[in-house]
């Protein structure tokens, strides 16, 4: 029995649909697709359009149980990422964030914020060999940092201006982001 080109295309289409529907194969494929989309750097907000964050009233706790008062971030460059271990775009951008974190952790305040259980986060970090600290919010986020979708990432300069406000995955280890951080830190 000979299969026509049309039948072959229909079979391929059905296999792709099945792969996307089966839970065990859906997430890896979604992550792969998101990695393709995350190859672009996030856009920097034009200086005249930047919003000034004035509300630093936010209490967090890290995965080791240490409290963090967001007021301590005033006057510093801050990188905030809202994410979850089950989120394909979050997973796709994490390797670039880990690389950025490793190179800038001494100069930039990194806040990776998730509302998942600590055991889930610990397993995810261990599996992927990530070293960044994950925080949980104890009080509501400042209004300008509210988010209804993840991943969402903010970069804030020393004056409190939101320089990057990115929803969705991106390449955070790009030359563009590194140049921006160097500029904000006056390292260039």
Protein backbone atom coordinates (compact mmCIF):
# COMPACT_ATOMS: atom_id res chain seq x y z
CA UNK A 1 0.00 0.00 0.00
CA UNK A 2 1.40 3.29 -1.10
CA UNK A 3 0.87 6.40 1.07
CA UNK A 4 0.18 9.60 -0.79
CA UNK A 5 1.97 12.85 0.02
CA UNK A 6 -1.24 14.24 1.51
CA UNK A 7 -1.70 11.20 3.77
CA UNK A 8 1.94 11.39 4.88
CA UNK A 9 1.53 15.09 5.77
CA UNK A 10 -1.64 14.30 7.74
CA UNK A 11 0.17 11.57 9.68
CA UNK A 12 3.04 13.93 10.50
CA UNK A 13 0.56 16.60 11.61
CA UNK A 14 -1.25 14.10 13.87
CA UNK A 15 2.02 12.92 15.42
CA UNK A 16 2.98 16.53 16.18
CA UNK A 17 -0.44 17.15 17.75
CA UNK A 18 -0.13 13.99 19.85
CA UNK A 19 3.34 14.98 21.02
CA UNK A 20 1.99 18.38 22.08
CA UNK A 21 -0.96 16.81 23.93
CA UNK A 22 0.94 14.12 25.85
CA UNK A 23 2.06 15.72 29.14
CA UNK A 24 5.47 13.98 29.21
CA UNK A 25 6.48 15.44 25.85
CA UNK A 26 4.61 18.74 25.94
CA UNK A 27 6.82 20.63 28.40
CA UNK A 28 10.19 19.74 26.79
CA UNK A 29 8.86 20.81 23.39
CA UNK A 30 7.45 24.04 24.82
CA UNK A 31 10.79 24.78 26.49
CA UNK A 32 12.62 24.14 23.21
CA UNK A 33 10.28 26.52 21.38
CA UNK A 34 10.68 29.15 24.10
CA UNK A 35 14.49 28.86 23.92
CA UNK A 36 14.19 29.76 20.26
CA UNK A 37 12.09 32.79 21.15
CA UNK A 38 14.39 33.68 24.06
CA UNK A 39 17.40 34.20 21.83
CA UNK A 40 16.61 37.92 21.67
CA UNK A 41 17.68 40.51 24.20
CA UNK A 42 15.03 42.41 26.11
CA UNK A 43 14.30 46.00 25.12
CA UNK A 44 15.55 48.85 27.24
CA UNK A 45 12.95 51.48 28.12
CA UNK A 46 13.81 54.86 26.55
CA UNK A 47 14.98 57.31 29.21
CA UNK A 48 12.02 59.65 28.74
CA UNK A 49 9.58 56.74 29.22
CA UNK A 50 11.10 55.23 32.35
CA UNK A 51 8.93 54.97 35.42
CA UNK A 52 10.38 55.79 38.82
CA UNK A 53 9.87 53.18 41.52
CA UNK A 54 9.30 54.99 44.80
CA UNK A 55 7.65 52.20 46.82
CA UNK A 56 10.31 49.93 48.31
CA UNK A 57 7.99 48.61 51.02
CA UNK A 58 8.31 44.89 50.28
CA UNK A 59 9.35 42.08 52.56
CA UNK A 60 10.76 38.83 51.20
CA UNK A 61 12.35 35.69 52.58
CA UNK A 62 15.00 33.65 50.81
CA UNK A 63 15.15 29.87 50.55
CA UNK A 64 17.38 29.72 53.64
CA UNK A 65 14.78 31.52 55.75
CA UNK A 66 16.66 34.83 55.77
CA UNK A 67 14.45 37.92 55.62
CA UNK A 68 15.12 40.53 52.96
CA UNK A 69 13.79 44.07 53.15
CA UNK A 70 13.51 45.55 49.65
CA UNK A 71 14.39 48.96 51.15
CA UNK A 72 17.96 47.59 51.29
CA UNK A 73 17.97 47.68 47.46
CA UNK A 74 17.56 51.46 47.30
CA UNK A 75 20.48 53.06 45.49
CA UNK A 76 21.56 49.77 43.90
CA UNK A 77 21.08 48.15 40.50
CA UNK A 78 18.34 45.54 40.94
CA UNK A 79 17.37 42.57 38.78
CA UNK A 80 13.96 41.07 39.71
CA UNK A 81 12.56 37.96 38.04
CA UNK A 82 9.13 36.48 38.80
CA UNK A 83 9.11 32.83 37.74
CA UNK A 84 8.04 29.24 38.45
CA UNK A 85 9.54 25.80 37.90
CA UNK A 86 6.56 24.63 35.82
CA UNK A 87 6.69 27.60 33.40
CA UNK A 88 8.31 26.72 30.02
CA UNK A 89 9.41 30.31 29.17
CA UNK A 90 10.86 30.64 32.69
CA UNK A 91 12.82 27.41 32.28
CA UNK A 92 14.00 28.49 28.83
CA UNK A 93 15.56 31.75 30.07
CA UNK A 94 17.03 30.43 33.33
CA UNK A 95 20.44 29.32 31.92
CA UNK A 96 21.11 32.85 30.65
CA UNK A 97 20.02 34.32 33.99
CA UNK A 98 22.31 31.97 35.91
CA UNK A 99 25.28 33.06 33.76
CA UNK A 100 24.41 36.72 34.31
CA UNK A 101 23.98 36.10 38.03
CA UNK A 102 27.39 34.40 38.28
CA UNK A 103 29.12 37.39 36.70
CA UNK A 104 27.20 40.24 38.40
CA UNK A 105 26.12 38.84 41.78
CA UNK A 106 28.65 41.01 43.64
CA UNK A 107 27.39 44.27 42.11
CA UNK A 108 23.69 43.74 41.32
CA UNK A 109 20.86 42.77 43.68
CA UNK A 110 19.26 39.68 42.15
CA UNK A 111 15.78 38.77 43.37
CA UNK A 112 14.36 35.60 41.84
CA UNK A 113 10.82 35.50 43.21
CA UNK A 114 8.56 32.44 43.17
CA UNK A 115 5.54 31.40 45.20
CA UNK A 116 6.22 27.69 44.86
CA UNK A 117 7.06 25.35 47.72
CA UNK A 118 10.69 25.31 48.76
CA UNK A 119 11.11 21.57 48.09
CA UNK A 120 10.03 22.05 44.45
CA UNK A 121 12.40 24.97 43.96
CA UNK A 122 15.31 23.15 45.63
CA UNK A 123 14.89 20.10 43.40
CA UNK A 124 14.70 22.30 40.29
CA UNK A 125 17.83 24.24 41.25
CA UNK A 126 19.76 21.09 42.13
CA UNK A 127 18.75 19.35 38.89
CA UNK A 128 19.93 22.34 36.83
CA UNK A 129 22.93 23.27 38.99
CA UNK A 130 21.64 26.82 39.62
CA UNK A 131 23.19 28.81 42.46
CA UNK A 132 20.99 31.93 42.60
CA UNK A 133 18.86 32.45 45.70
CA UNK A 134 15.10 32.27 45.35
CA UNK A 135 12.85 34.52 47.39
CA UNK A 136 9.21 34.38 48.37
CA UNK A 137 7.21 37.54 48.99
CA UNK A 138 5.92 37.97 52.52
CA UNK A 139 4.05 41.18 51.71
CA UNK A 140 2.41 42.37 48.48
CA UNK A 141 4.73 43.54 45.70
CA UNK A 142 5.08 47.28 45.17
CA UNK A 143 2.36 48.35 42.72
CA UNK A 144 4.80 49.00 39.86
CA UNK A 145 6.16 45.47 40.25
CA UNK A 146 2.78 43.74 40.15
CA UNK A 147 2.57 40.97 37.60
CA UNK A 148 -0.20 38.79 36.28
CA UNK A 149 1.99 36.58 34.10
CA UNK A 150 5.38 34.94 34.32
CA UNK A 151 8.16 35.23 33.56
CA UNK A 152 8.37 38.93 34.17
CA UNK A 153 11.65 40.64 34.76
CA UNK A 154 12.59 44.14 35.86
CA UNK A 155 15.95 45.88 35.88
CA UNK A 156 16.02 48.95 38.09
CA UNK A 157 18.82 51.53 38.20
CA UNK A 158 20.32 53.18 41.30
CA UNK A 159 17.84 56.05 41.10
CA UNK A 160 14.86 53.65 41.06
CA UNK A 161 14.03 53.96 37.36
CA UNK A 162 12.66 50.83 35.71
CA UNK A 163 15.11 50.38 32.85
CA UNK A 164 13.80 47.01 31.62
CA UNK A 165 10.27 45.66 32.07
CA UNK A 166 10.10 42.39 30.16
CA UNK A 167 7.27 39.86 30.07
CA UNK A 168 8.20 36.53 28.52
CA UNK A 169 11.51 34.82 27.94
CA UNK A 170 14.66 36.63 26.81
CA UNK A 171 18.40 36.18 26.52
CA UNK A 172 19.60 37.82 29.72
CA UNK A 173 23.24 36.95 29.13
CA UNK A 174 23.43 38.96 25.90
CA UNK A 175 26.05 41.59 25.15
CA UNK A 176 23.26 44.20 25.19
CA UNK A 177 22.16 43.36 28.75
CA UNK A 178 25.75 43.13 29.96
CA UNK A 179 26.55 46.52 28.41
CA UNK A 180 23.49 48.00 30.11
CA UNK A 181 24.49 46.61 33.50
CA UNK A 182 28.05 47.81 33.02
CA UNK A 183 26.70 51.27 32.14
CA UNK A 184 24.37 51.32 35.17
CA UNK A 185 27.23 50.21 37.40
CA UNK A 186 29.57 52.74 35.74
CA UNK A 187 31.95 49.94 34.72
CA UNK A 188 32.19 50.81 31.05
